């Protein structure tokens, strides 16, 4: 099978989600677009954060979009990879910290 489940052309159709629920869709895009405007954080930093989160939630559409957005806003390759590693470290850390829950339960059973 040569066709992937995720079709990069679908990213171009993202705006079409308003078709089935215009009011909610329009409200989402108003919010979404305002989040990525320059504010306390510069646009480049927001794009890098989004790129990191995109990897953590494993969204190929978001990875594609925020790779492009990061480059467009002046991010260098090393900044982008570092952002990916930050997300990976947080995801790994969040899995490992749950080991404390396992240890707490295990210690109650063993003692």
PDB file of N, CA and C in Angstrom:
ATOM      1  N   UNK A   1       0.844  -1.173   0.000  1.00  0.00           N
ATOM      2  CA  UNK A   1       0.000   0.000   0.000  1.00  0.00           C
ATOM      3  C   UNK A   1       0.891   1.237   0.000  1.00  0.00           C
ATOM      4  N   UNK A   2       0.743   2.079  -0.988  1.00  0.00           N
ATOM      5  CA  UNK A   2       1.622   3.238  -1.112  1.00  0.00           C
ATOM      6  C   UNK A   2       1.049   4.497  -0.466  1.00  0.00           C
ATOM      7  N   UNK A   3      -0.230   4.525  -0.175  1.00  0.00           N
ATOM      8  CA  UNK A   3      -0.849   5.715   0.411  1.00  0.00           C
ATOM      9  C   UNK A   3      -0.714   5.679   1.922  1.00  0.00           C
ATOM     10  N   UNK A   4      -0.279   6.797   2.491  1.00  0.00           N
ATOM     11  CA  UNK A   4      -0.176   6.913   3.936  1.00  0.00           C
ATOM     12  C   UNK A   4      -1.527   7.274   4.525  1.00  0.00           C
ATOM     13  N   UNK A   5      -1.717   6.887   5.788  1.00  0.00           N
ATOM     14  CA  UNK A   5      -2.944   7.245   6.498  1.00  0.00           C
ATOM     15  C   UNK A   5      -3.057   8.765   6.608  1.00  0.00           C
ATOM     16  N   UNK A   6      -1.942   9.407   6.936  1.00  0.00           N
ATOM     17  CA  UNK A   6      -1.908  10.864   7.003  1.00  0.00           C
ATOM     18  C   UNK A   6      -1.514  11.400   5.646  1.00  0.00           C
ATOM     19  N   UNK A   7      -2.371  12.186   5.059  1.00  0.00           N
ATOM     20  CA  UNK A   7      -2.120  12.781   3.754  1.00  0.00           C
ATOM     21  C   UNK A   7      -1.787  14.251   3.965  1.00  0.00           C
ATOM     22  N   UNK A   8      -0.583  14.655   3.607  1.00  0.00           N
ATOM     23  CA  UNK A   8      -0.163  16.037   3.850  1.00  0.00           C
ATOM     24  C   UNK A   8      -1.081  17.046   3.162  1.00  0.00           C
ATOM     25  N   UNK A   9      -1.766  16.634   2.115  1.00  0.00           N
ATOM     26  CA  UNK A   9      -2.728  17.540   1.468  1.00  0.00           C
ATOM     27  C   UNK A   9      -3.904  17.867   2.394  1.00  0.00           C
ATOM     28  N   UNK A  10      -4.164  16.994   3.370  1.00  0.00           N
ATOM     29  CA  UNK A  10      -5.253  17.261   4.312  1.00  0.00           C
ATOM     30  C   UNK A  10      -4.977  18.489   5.172  1.00  0.00           C
ATOM     31  N   UNK A  11      -3.713  18.788   5.403  1.00  0.00           N
ATOM     32  CA  UNK A  11      -3.359  19.971   6.184  1.00  0.00           C
ATOM     33  C   UNK A  11      -3.917  21.229   5.529  1.00  0.00           C
ATOM     34  N   UNK A  12      -3.925  21.253   4.200  1.00  0.00           N
ATOM     35  CA  UNK A  12      -4.457  22.401   3.460  1.00  0.00           C
ATOM     36  C   UNK A  12      -5.967  22.545   3.656  1.00  0.00           C
ATOM     37  N   UNK A  13      -6.621  21.482   4.104  1.00  0.00           N
ATOM     38  CA  UNK A  13      -8.070  21.482   4.293  1.00  0.00           C
ATOM     39  C   UNK A  13      -8.475  21.808   5.731  1.00  0.00           C
ATOM     40  N   UNK A  14      -7.504  22.124   6.586  1.00  0.00           N
ATOM     41  CA  UNK A  14      -7.777  22.369   7.998  1.00  0.00           C
ATOM     42  C   UNK A  14      -8.870  23.419   8.187  1.00  0.00           C
ATOM     43  N   UNK A  15      -8.832  24.464   7.412  1.00  0.00           N
ATOM     44  CA  UNK A  15      -9.840  25.519   7.511  1.00  0.00           C
ATOM     45  C   UNK A  15     -11.245  25.046   7.209  1.00  0.00           C
ATOM     46  N   UNK A  16     -11.365  23.909   6.542  1.00  0.00           N
ATOM     47  CA  UNK A  16     -12.679  23.380   6.180  1.00  0.00           C
ATOM     48  C   UNK A  16     -13.442  22.793   7.373  1.00  0.00           C
ATOM     49  N   UNK A  17     -12.804  22.674   8.528  1.00  0.00           N
ATOM     50  CA  UNK A  17     -13.521  22.105   9.671  1.00  0.00           C
ATOM     51  C   UNK A  17     -14.683  22.989  10.103  1.00  0.00           C
ATOM     52  N   UNK A  18     -14.704  24.210   9.627  1.00  0.00           N
ATOM     53  CA  UNK A  18     -15.812  25.102   9.965  1.00  0.00           C
ATOM     54  C   UNK A  18     -17.091  24.745   9.204  1.00  0.00           C
ATOM     55  N   UNK A  19     -16.972  23.950   8.162  1.00  0.00           N
ATOM     56  CA  UNK A  19     -18.133  23.634   7.320  1.00  0.00           C
ATOM     57  C   UNK A  19     -19.258  22.949   8.093  1.00  0.00           C
ATOM     58  N   UNK A  20     -18.919  22.080   8.986  1.00  0.00           N
ATOM     59  CA  UNK A  20     -19.949  21.317   9.687  1.00  0.00           C
ATOM     60  C   UNK A  20     -20.402  21.986  10.971  1.00  0.00           C
ATOM     61  N   UNK A  21     -19.666  22.988  11.407  1.00  0.00           N
ATOM     62  CA  UNK A  21     -20.038  23.728  12.611  1.00  0.00           C
ATOM     63  C   UNK A  21     -19.402  25.115  12.524  1.00  0.00           C
ATOM     64  N   UNK A  22     -19.986  25.990  11.706  1.00  0.00           N
ATOM     65  CA  UNK A  22     -19.369  27.292  11.432  1.00  0.00           C
ATOM     66  C   UNK A  22     -19.074  28.137  12.671  1.00  0.00           C
ATOM     67  N   UNK A  23     -20.018  28.239  13.580  1.00  0.00           N
ATOM     68  CA  UNK A  23     -19.811  29.112  14.735  1.00  0.00           C
ATOM     69  C   UNK A  23     -18.666  28.616  15.618  1.00  0.00           C
ATOM     70  N   UNK A  24     -18.686  27.329  15.930  1.00  0.00           N
ATOM     71  CA  UNK A  24     -17.624  26.769  16.774  1.00  0.00           C
ATOM     72  C   UNK A  24     -16.286  26.810  16.034  1.00  0.00           C
ATOM     73  N   UNK A  25     -16.301  26.461  14.759  1.00  0.00           N
ATOM     74  CA  UNK A  25     -15.073  26.495  13.962  1.00  0.00           C
ATOM     75  C   UNK A  25     -14.487  27.886  13.873  1.00  0.00           C
ATOM     76  N   UNK A  26     -15.334  28.863  13.612  1.00  0.00           N
ATOM     77  CA  UNK A  26     -14.864  30.251  13.527  1.00  0.00           C
ATOM     78  C   UNK A  26     -14.306  30.723  14.870  1.00  0.00           C
ATOM     79  N   UNK A  27     -14.975  30.357  15.951  1.00  0.00           N
ATOM     80  CA  UNK A  27     -14.477  30.723  17.280  1.00  0.00           C
ATOM     81  C   UNK A  27     -13.124  30.081  17.561  1.00  0.00           C
ATOM     82  N   UNK A  28     -12.977  28.814  17.155  1.00  0.00           N
ATOM     83  CA  UNK A  28     -11.695  28.141  17.335  1.00  0.00           C
ATOM     84  C   UNK A  28     -10.594  28.882  16.583  1.00  0.00           C
ATOM     85  N   UNK A  29     -10.828  29.183  15.305  1.00  0.00           N
ATOM     86  CA  UNK A  29      -9.786  29.825  14.510  1.00  0.00           C
ATOM     87  C   UNK A  29      -9.473  31.238  14.999  1.00  0.00           C
ATOM     88  N   UNK A  30     -10.461  31.933  15.512  1.00  0.00           N
ATOM     89  CA  UNK A  30     -10.207  33.258  16.093  1.00  0.00           C
ATOM     90  C   UNK A  30      -9.254  33.110  17.276  1.00  0.00           C
ATOM     91  N   UNK A  31      -9.545  32.159  18.154  1.00  0.00           N
ATOM     92  CA  UNK A  31      -8.675  31.883  19.300  1.00  0.00           C
ATOM     93  C   UNK A  31      -7.298  31.407  18.834  1.00  0.00           C
ATOM     94  N   UNK A  32      -7.278  30.401  17.976  1.00  0.00           N
ATOM     95  CA  UNK A  32      -6.041  29.785  17.498  1.00  0.00           C
ATOM     96  C   UNK A  32      -5.109  30.831  16.895  1.00  0.00           C
ATOM     97  N   UNK A  33      -5.656  31.658  16.019  1.00  0.00           N
ATOM     98  CA  UNK A  33      -4.836  32.678  15.367  1.00  0.00           C
ATOM     99  C   UNK A  33      -4.343  33.723  16.354  1.00  0.00           C
ATOM    100  N   UNK A  34      -5.159  34.083  17.335  1.00  0.00           N
ATOM    101  CA  UNK A  34      -4.721  35.078  18.314  1.00  0.00           C
ATOM    102  C   UNK A  34      -3.599  34.539  19.196  1.00  0.00           C
ATOM    103  N   UNK A  35      -3.616  33.239  19.480  1.00  0.00           N
ATOM    104  CA  UNK A  35      -2.569  32.627  20.294  1.00  0.00           C
ATOM    105  C   UNK A  35      -1.197  32.792  19.635  1.00  0.00           C
ATOM    106  N   UNK A  36      -1.145  32.718  18.325  1.00  0.00           N
ATOM    107  CA  UNK A  36       0.132  32.749  17.618  1.00  0.00           C
ATOM    108  C   UNK A  36       0.573  34.142  17.194  1.00  0.00           C
ATOM    109  N   UNK A  37      -0.175  35.172  17.567  1.00  0.00           N
ATOM    110  CA  UNK A  37       0.266  36.545  17.316  1.00  0.00           C
ATOM    111  C   UNK A  37       1.360  36.908  18.315  1.00  0.00           C
ATOM    112  N   UNK A  38       2.166  37.898  17.959  1.00  0.00           N
ATOM    113  CA  UNK A  38       3.196  38.367  18.880  1.00  0.00           C
ATOM    114  C   UNK A  38       2.523  38.879  20.140  1.00  0.00           C
ATOM    115  N   UNK A  39       3.038  38.458  21.261  1.00  0.00           N
ATOM    116  CA  UNK A  39       2.543  38.893  22.558  1.00  0.00           C
ATOM    117  C   UNK A  39       3.718  38.953  23.507  1.00  0.00           C
ATOM    118  N   UNK A  40       3.560  38.402  24.693  1.00  0.00           N
ATOM    119  CA  UNK A  40       4.676  38.337  25.636  1.00  0.00           C
ATOM    120  C   UNK A  40       5.812  37.495  25.055  1.00  0.00           C
ATOM    121  N   UNK A  41       5.443  36.509  24.223  1.00  0.00           N
ATOM    122  CA  UNK A  41       6.440  35.686  23.530  1.00  0.00           C
ATOM    123  C   UNK A  41       6.510  36.098  22.065  1.00  0.00           C
ATOM    124  N   UNK A  42       7.711  36.136  21.508  1.00  0.00           N
ATOM    125  CA  UNK A  42       7.831  36.403  20.072  1.00  0.00           C
ATOM    126  C   UNK A  42       7.241  35.253  19.245  1.00  0.00           C
ATOM    127  N   UNK A  43       6.858  35.546  18.033  1.00  0.00           N
ATOM    128  CA  UNK A  43       6.234  34.557  17.140  1.00  0.00           C
ATOM    129  C   UNK A  43       7.157  33.358  16.918  1.00  0.00           C
ATOM    130  N   UNK A  44       8.451  33.594  16.785  1.00  0.00           N
ATOM    131  CA  UNK A  44       9.401  32.487  16.577  1.00  0.00           C
ATOM    132  C   UNK A  44       9.368  31.524  17.757  1.00  0.00           C
ATOM    133  N   UNK A  45       9.350  32.051  18.973  1.00  0.00           N
ATOM    134  CA  UNK A  45       9.315  31.177  20.148  1.00  0.00           C
ATOM    135  C   UNK A  45       8.011  30.386  20.206  1.00  0.00           C
ATOM    136  N   UNK A  46       6.913  31.024  19.843  1.00  0.00           N
ATOM    137  CA  UNK A  46       5.630  30.315  19.835  1.00  0.00           C
ATOM    138  C   UNK A  46       5.650  29.183  18.815  1.00  0.00           C
ATOM    139  N   UNK A  47       6.263  29.432  17.652  1.00  0.00           N
ATOM    140  CA  UNK A  47       6.362  28.389  16.627  1.00  0.00           C
ATOM    141  C   UNK A  47       7.210  27.228  17.127  1.00  0.00           C
ATOM    142  N   UNK A  48       8.304  27.521  17.834  1.00  0.00           N
ATOM    143  CA  UNK A  48       9.155  26.464  18.370  1.00  0.00           C
ATOM    144  C   UNK A  48       8.445  25.672  19.466  1.00  0.00           C
ATOM    145  N   UNK A  49       7.674  26.362  20.305  1.00  0.00           N
ATOM    146  CA  UNK A  49       6.883  25.661  21.324  1.00  0.00           C
ATOM    147  C   UNK A  49       5.882  24.735  20.640  1.00  0.00           C
ATOM    148  N   UNK A  50       5.200  25.252  19.627  1.00  0.00           N
ATOM    149  CA  UNK A  50       4.219  24.448  18.894  1.00  0.00           C
ATOM    150  C   UNK A  50       4.890  23.244  18.234  1.00  0.00           C
ATOM    151  N   UNK A  51       6.096  23.446  17.709  1.00  0.00           N
ATOM    152  CA  UNK A  51       6.830  22.344  17.092  1.00  0.00           C
ATOM    153  C   UNK A  51       7.155  21.266  18.120  1.00  0.00           C
ATOM    154  N   UNK A  52       7.563  21.682  19.305  1.00  0.00           N
ATOM    155  CA  UNK A  52       7.859  20.738  20.379  1.00  0.00           C
ATOM    156  C   UNK A  52       6.611  19.964  20.785  1.00  0.00           C
ATOM    157  N   UNK A  53       5.523  20.679  21.006  1.00  0.00           N
ATOM    158  CA  UNK A  53       4.259  20.043  21.403  1.00  0.00           C
ATOM    159  C   UNK A  53       3.763  19.114  20.294  1.00  0.00           C
ATOM    160  N   UNK A  54       3.922  19.527  19.048  1.00  0.00           N
ATOM    161  CA  UNK A  54       3.498  18.694  17.919  1.00  0.00           C
ATOM    162  C   UNK A  54       4.171  17.324  17.959  1.00  0.00           C
ATOM    163  N   UNK A  55       5.436  17.310  18.342  1.00  0.00           N
ATOM    164  CA  UNK A  55       6.138  16.031  18.454  1.00  0.00           C
ATOM    165  C   UNK A  55       5.642  15.225  19.649  1.00  0.00           C
ATOM    166  N   UNK A  56       5.367  15.897  20.749  1.00  0.00           N
ATOM    167  CA  UNK A  56       4.893  15.188  21.941  1.00  0.00           C
ATOM    168  C   UNK A  56       3.529  14.554  21.689  1.00  0.00           C
ATOM    169  N   UNK A  57       2.639  15.285  21.014  1.00  0.00           N
ATOM    170  CA  UNK A  57       1.310  14.720  20.739  1.00  0.00           C
ATOM    171  C   UNK A  57       1.308  13.901  19.455  1.00  0.00           C
ATOM    172  N   UNK A  58       2.439  13.862  18.780  1.00  0.00           N
ATOM    173  CA  UNK A  58       2.668  13.061  17.576  1.00  0.00           C
ATOM    174  C   UNK A  58       1.659  13.343  16.470  1.00  0.00           C
ATOM    175  N   UNK A  59       1.511  14.630  16.162  1.00  0.00           N
ATOM    176  CA  UNK A  59       0.608  15.053  15.084  1.00  0.00           C
ATOM    177  C   UNK A  59       1.430  15.377  13.834  1.00  0.00           C
ATOM    178  N   UNK A  60       1.393  14.515  12.825  1.00  0.00           N
ATOM    179  CA  UNK A  60       2.200  14.773  11.629  1.00  0.00           C
ATOM    180  C   UNK A  60       1.805  16.064  10.914  1.00  0.00           C
ATOM    181  N   UNK A  61       0.529  16.425  10.971  1.00  0.00           N
ATOM    182  CA  UNK A  61       0.097  17.674  10.345  1.00  0.00           C
ATOM    183  C   UNK A  61       0.727  18.865  11.062  1.00  0.00           C
ATOM    184  N   UNK A  62       0.729  18.812  12.394  1.00  0.00           N
ATOM    185  CA  UNK A  62       1.299  19.901  13.199  1.00  0.00           C
ATOM    186  C   UNK A  62       2.811  19.959  13.030  1.00  0.00           C
ATOM    187  N   UNK A  63       3.454  18.801  12.956  1.00  0.00           N
ATOM    188  CA  UNK A  63       4.908  18.767  12.753  1.00  0.00           C
ATOM    189  C   UNK A  63       5.241  19.454  11.433  1.00  0.00           C
ATOM    190  N   UNK A  64       4.493  19.116  10.396  1.00  0.00           N
ATOM    191  CA  UNK A  64       4.723  19.727   9.085  1.00  0.00           C
ATOM    192  C   UNK A  64       4.485  21.235   9.148  1.00  0.00           C
ATOM    193  N   UNK A  65       3.367  21.637   9.727  1.00  0.00           N
ATOM    194  CA  UNK A  65       3.001  23.056   9.770  1.00  0.00           C
ATOM    195  C   UNK A  65       3.992  23.874  10.597  1.00  0.00           C
ATOM    196  N   UNK A  66       4.388  23.350  11.758  1.00  0.00           N
ATOM    197  CA  UNK A  66       5.246  24.148  12.634  1.00  0.00           C
ATOM    198  C   UNK A  66       6.722  24.012  12.320  1.00  0.00           C
ATOM    199  N   UNK A  67       7.101  23.028  11.515  1.00  0.00           N
ATOM    200  CA  UNK A  67       8.443  23.038  10.933  1.00  0.00           C
ATOM    201  C   UNK A  67       8.524  24.210   9.966  1.00  0.00           C
ATOM    202  N   UNK A  68       7.529  24.306   9.101  1.00  0.00           N
ATOM    203  CA  UNK A  68       7.480  25.399   8.128  1.00  0.00           C
ATOM    204  C   UNK A  68       7.384  26.757   8.829  1.00  0.00           C
ATOM    205  N   UNK A  69       6.526  26.857   9.834  1.00  0.00           N
ATOM    206  CA  UNK A  69       6.323  28.114  10.552  1.00  0.00           C
ATOM    207  C   UNK A  69       7.589  28.524  11.303  1.00  0.00           C
ATOM    208  N   UNK A  70       8.270  27.570  11.899  1.00  0.00           N
ATOM    209  CA  UNK A  70       9.513  27.879  12.612  1.00  0.00           C
ATOM    210  C   UNK A  70      10.567  28.434  11.657  1.00  0.00           C
ATOM    211  N   UNK A  71      10.736  27.778  10.523  1.00  0.00           N
ATOM    212  CA  UNK A  71      11.715  28.245   9.528  1.00  0.00           C
ATOM    213  C   UNK A  71      11.317  29.617   9.013  1.00  0.00           C
ATOM    214  N   UNK A  72      10.040  29.795   8.715  1.00  0.00           N
ATOM    215  CA  UNK A  72       9.541  31.081   8.212  1.00  0.00           C
ATOM    216  C   UNK A  72       9.833  32.218   9.186  1.00  0.00           C
ATOM    217  N   UNK A  73       9.816  31.903  10.481  1.00  0.00           N
ATOM    218  CA  UNK A  73      10.037  32.922  11.502  1.00  0.00           C
ATOM    219  C   UNK A  73      11.481  32.984  11.987  1.00  0.00           C
ATOM    220  N   UNK A  74      12.384  32.376  11.235  1.00  0.00           N
ATOM    221  CA  UNK A  74      13.808  32.546  11.483  1.00  0.00           C
ATOM    222  C   UNK A  74      14.468  31.523  12.372  1.00  0.00           C
ATOM    223  N   UNK A  75      13.801  30.427  12.690  1.00  0.00           N
ATOM    224  CA  UNK A  75      14.421  29.398  13.528  1.00  0.00           C
ATOM    225  C   UNK A  75      15.489  28.658  12.739  1.00  0.00           C
ATOM    226  N   UNK A  76      16.567  28.363  13.428  1.00  0.00           N
ATOM    227  CA  UNK A  76      17.658  27.581  12.844  1.00  0.00           C
ATOM    228  C   UNK A  76      17.410  26.097  13.120  1.00  0.00           C
ATOM    229  N   UNK A  77      18.085  25.252  12.365  1.00  0.00           N
ATOM    230  CA  UNK A  77      17.912  23.801  12.529  1.00  0.00           C
ATOM    231  C   UNK A  77      18.207  23.351  13.955  1.00  0.00           C
ATOM    232  N   UNK A  78      19.281  23.891  14.556  1.00  0.00           N
ATOM    233  CA  UNK A  78      19.633  23.462  15.905  1.00  0.00           C
ATOM    234  C   UNK A  78      18.590  23.904  16.930  1.00  0.00           C
ATOM    235  N   UNK A  79      17.958  25.053  16.722  1.00  0.00           N
ATOM    236  CA  UNK A  79      16.891  25.504  17.619  1.00  0.00           C
ATOM    237  C   UNK A  79      15.677  24.583  17.514  1.00  0.00           C
ATOM    238  N   UNK A  80      15.358  24.188  16.282  1.00  0.00           N
ATOM    239  CA  UNK A  80      14.216  23.313  16.070  1.00  0.00           C
ATOM    240  C   UNK A  80      14.444  21.950  16.718  1.00  0.00           C
ATOM    241  N   UNK A  81      15.634  21.379  16.527  1.00  0.00           N
ATOM    242  CA  UNK A  81      15.922  20.068  17.115  1.00  0.00           C
ATOM    243  C   UNK A  81      15.966  20.159  18.629  1.00  0.00           C
ATOM    244  N   UNK A  82      16.490  21.262  19.149  1.00  0.00           N
ATOM    245  CA  UNK A  82      16.516  21.429  20.598  1.00  0.00           C
ATOM    246  C   UNK A  82      15.091  21.494  21.150  1.00  0.00           C
ATOM    247  N   UNK A  83      14.203  22.164  20.438  1.00  0.00           N
ATOM    248  CA  UNK A  83      12.797  22.218  20.851  1.00  0.00           C
ATOM    249  C   UNK A  83      12.185  20.821  20.878  1.00  0.00           C
ATOM    250  N   UNK A  84      12.500  20.005  19.888  1.00  0.00           N
ATOM    251  CA  UNK A  84      12.005  18.627  19.849  1.00  0.00           C
ATOM    252  C   UNK A  84      12.541  17.839  21.049  1.00  0.00           C
ATOM    253  N   UNK A  85      13.813  18.046  21.378  1.00  0.00           N
ATOM    254  CA  UNK A  85      14.396  17.348  22.522  1.00  0.00           C
ATOM    255  C   UNK A  85      13.783  17.806  23.844  1.00  0.00           C
ATOM    256  N   UNK A  86      13.448  19.075  23.954  1.00  0.00           N
ATOM    257  CA  UNK A  86      12.779  19.560  25.166  1.00  0.00           C
ATOM    258  C   UNK A  86      11.453  18.821  25.339  1.00  0.00           C
ATOM    259  N   UNK A  87      10.673  18.737  24.270  1.00  0.00           N
ATOM    260  CA  UNK A  87       9.401  18.009  24.336  1.00  0.00           C
ATOM    261  C   UNK A  87       9.601  16.547  24.685  1.00  0.00           C
ATOM    262  N   UNK A  88      10.608  15.925  24.076  1.00  0.00           N
ATOM    263  CA  UNK A  88      10.888  14.509  24.347  1.00  0.00           C
ATOM    264  C   UNK A  88      11.292  14.301  25.805  1.00  0.00           C
ATOM    265  N   UNK A  89      12.089  15.216  26.340  1.00  0.00           N
ATOM    266  CA  UNK A  89      12.529  15.095  27.737  1.00  0.00           C
ATOM    267  C   UNK A  89      11.346  15.227  28.687  1.00  0.00           C
ATOM    268  N   UNK A  90      10.447  16.148  28.409  1.00  0.00           N
ATOM    269  CA  UNK A  90       9.267  16.330  29.258  1.00  0.00           C
ATOM    270  C   UNK A  90       8.386  15.089  29.185  1.00  0.00           C
ATOM    271  N   UNK A  91       8.193  14.559  27.979  1.00  0.00           N
ATOM    272  CA  UNK A  91       7.358  13.358  27.831  1.00  0.00           C
ATOM    273  C   UNK A  91       7.987  12.170  28.570  1.00  0.00           C
ATOM    274  N   UNK A  92       9.291  11.998  28.426  1.00  0.00           N
ATOM    275  CA  UNK A  92       9.973  10.909  29.121  1.00  0.00           C
ATOM    276  C   UNK A  92       9.914  11.116  30.631  1.00  0.00           C
ATOM    277  N   UNK A  93      10.145  12.335  31.064  1.00  0.00           N
ATOM    278  CA  UNK A  93      10.098  12.629  32.488  1.00  0.00           C
ATOM    279  C   UNK A  93       8.725  12.394  33.082  1.00  0.00           C
ATOM    280  N   UNK A  94       7.698  12.748  32.330  1.00  0.00           N
ATOM    281  CA  UNK A  94       6.340  12.550  32.841  1.00  0.00           C
ATOM    282  C   UNK A  94       6.008  11.064  32.961  1.00  0.00           C
ATOM    283  N   UNK A  95       6.563  10.249  32.080  1.00  0.00           N
ATOM    284  CA  UNK A  95       6.370   8.804  32.205  1.00  0.00           C
ATOM    285  C   UNK A  95       7.138   8.267  33.415  1.00  0.00           C
ATOM    286  N   UNK A  96       8.362   8.724  33.572  1.00  0.00           N
ATOM    287  CA  UNK A  96       9.198   8.219  34.661  1.00  0.00           C
ATOM    288  C   UNK A  96       8.709   8.659  36.035  1.00  0.00           C
ATOM    289  N   UNK A  97       8.197   9.886  36.147  1.00  0.00           N
ATOM    290  CA  UNK A  97       7.747  10.354  37.453  1.00  0.00           C
ATOM    291  C   UNK A  97       6.583   9.512  37.960  1.00  0.00           C
ATOM    292  N   UNK A  98       5.847   8.884  37.057  1.00  0.00           N
ATOM    293  CA  UNK A  98       4.783   7.977  37.483  1.00  0.00           C
ATOM    294  C   UNK A  98       5.343   6.711  38.118  1.00  0.00           C
ATOM    295  N   UNK A  99       6.647   6.503  37.954  1.00  0.00           N
ATOM    296  CA  UNK A  99       7.300   5.409  38.640  1.00  0.00           C
ATOM    297  C   UNK A  99       7.216   5.560  40.154  1.00  0.00           C
ATOM    298  N   UNK A 100       7.112   6.796  40.630  1.00  0.00           N
ATOM    299  CA  UNK A 100       6.946   7.038  42.068  1.00  0.00           C
ATOM    300  C   UNK A 100       5.625   6.432  42.540  1.00  0.00           C
ATOM    301  N   UNK A 101       4.584   6.567  41.739  1.00  0.00           N
ATOM    302  CA  UNK A 101       3.290   5.968  42.081  1.00  0.00           C
ATOM    303  C   UNK A 101       3.435   4.454  42.188  1.00  0.00           C
ATOM    304  N   UNK A 102       4.149   3.854  41.247  1.00  0.00           N
ATOM    305  CA  UNK A 102       4.391   2.421  41.269  1.00  0.00           C
ATOM    306  C   UNK A 102       5.172   2.033  42.512  1.00  0.00           C
ATOM    307  N   UNK A 103       6.195   2.814  42.846  1.00  0.00           N
ATOM    308  CA  UNK A 103       7.010   2.520  44.017  1.00  0.00           C
ATOM    309  C   UNK A 103       6.183   2.639  45.300  1.00  0.00           C
ATOM    310  N   UNK A 104       5.347   3.681  45.387  1.00  0.00           N
ATOM    311  CA  UNK A 104       4.477   3.841  46.566  1.00  0.00           C
ATOM    312  C   UNK A 104       3.573   2.625  46.745  1.00  0.00           C
ATOM    313  N   UNK A 105       2.924   2.195  45.675  1.00  0.00           N
ATOM    314  CA  UNK A 105       2.041   1.038  45.722  1.00  0.00           C
ATOM    315  C   UNK A 105       2.822  -0.231  46.038  1.00  0.00           C
ATOM    316  N   UNK A 106       3.943  -0.397  45.378  1.00  0.00           N
ATOM    317  CA  UNK A 106       4.772  -1.572  45.610  1.00  0.00           C
ATOM    318  C   UNK A 106       5.266  -1.661  47.039  1.00  0.00           C
ATOM    319  N   UNK A 107       5.671  -0.540  47.599  1.00  0.00           N
ATOM    320  CA  UNK A 107       6.151  -0.523  48.985  1.00  0.00           C
ATOM    321  C   UNK A 107       5.023  -0.888  49.966  1.00  0.00           C
ATOM    322  N   UNK A 108       3.793  -0.479  49.698  1.00  0.00           N
ATOM    323  CA  UNK A 108       2.671  -0.836  50.557  1.00  0.00           C
ATOM    324  C   UNK A 108       2.412  -2.338  50.516  1.00  0.00           C
ATOM    325  N   UNK A 109       2.539  -2.935  49.343  1.00  0.00           N
ATOM    326  CA  UNK A 109       2.284  -4.370  49.194  1.00  0.00           C
ATOM    327  C   UNK A 109       3.416  -5.176  49.825  1.00  0.00           C
ATOM    328  N   UNK A 110       4.633  -4.751  49.592  1.00  0.00           N
ATOM    329  CA  UNK A 110       5.804  -5.494  50.073  1.00  0.00           C
ATOM    330  C   UNK A 110       5.917  -5.401  51.591  1.00  0.00           C
ATOM    331  N   UNK A 111       5.580  -4.272  52.174  1.00  0.00           N
ATOM    332  CA  UNK A 111       5.748  -4.086  53.617  1.00  0.00           C
ATOM    333  C   UNK A 111       4.646  -4.723  54.313  1.00  0.00           C
TER     334      UNK A 111
END
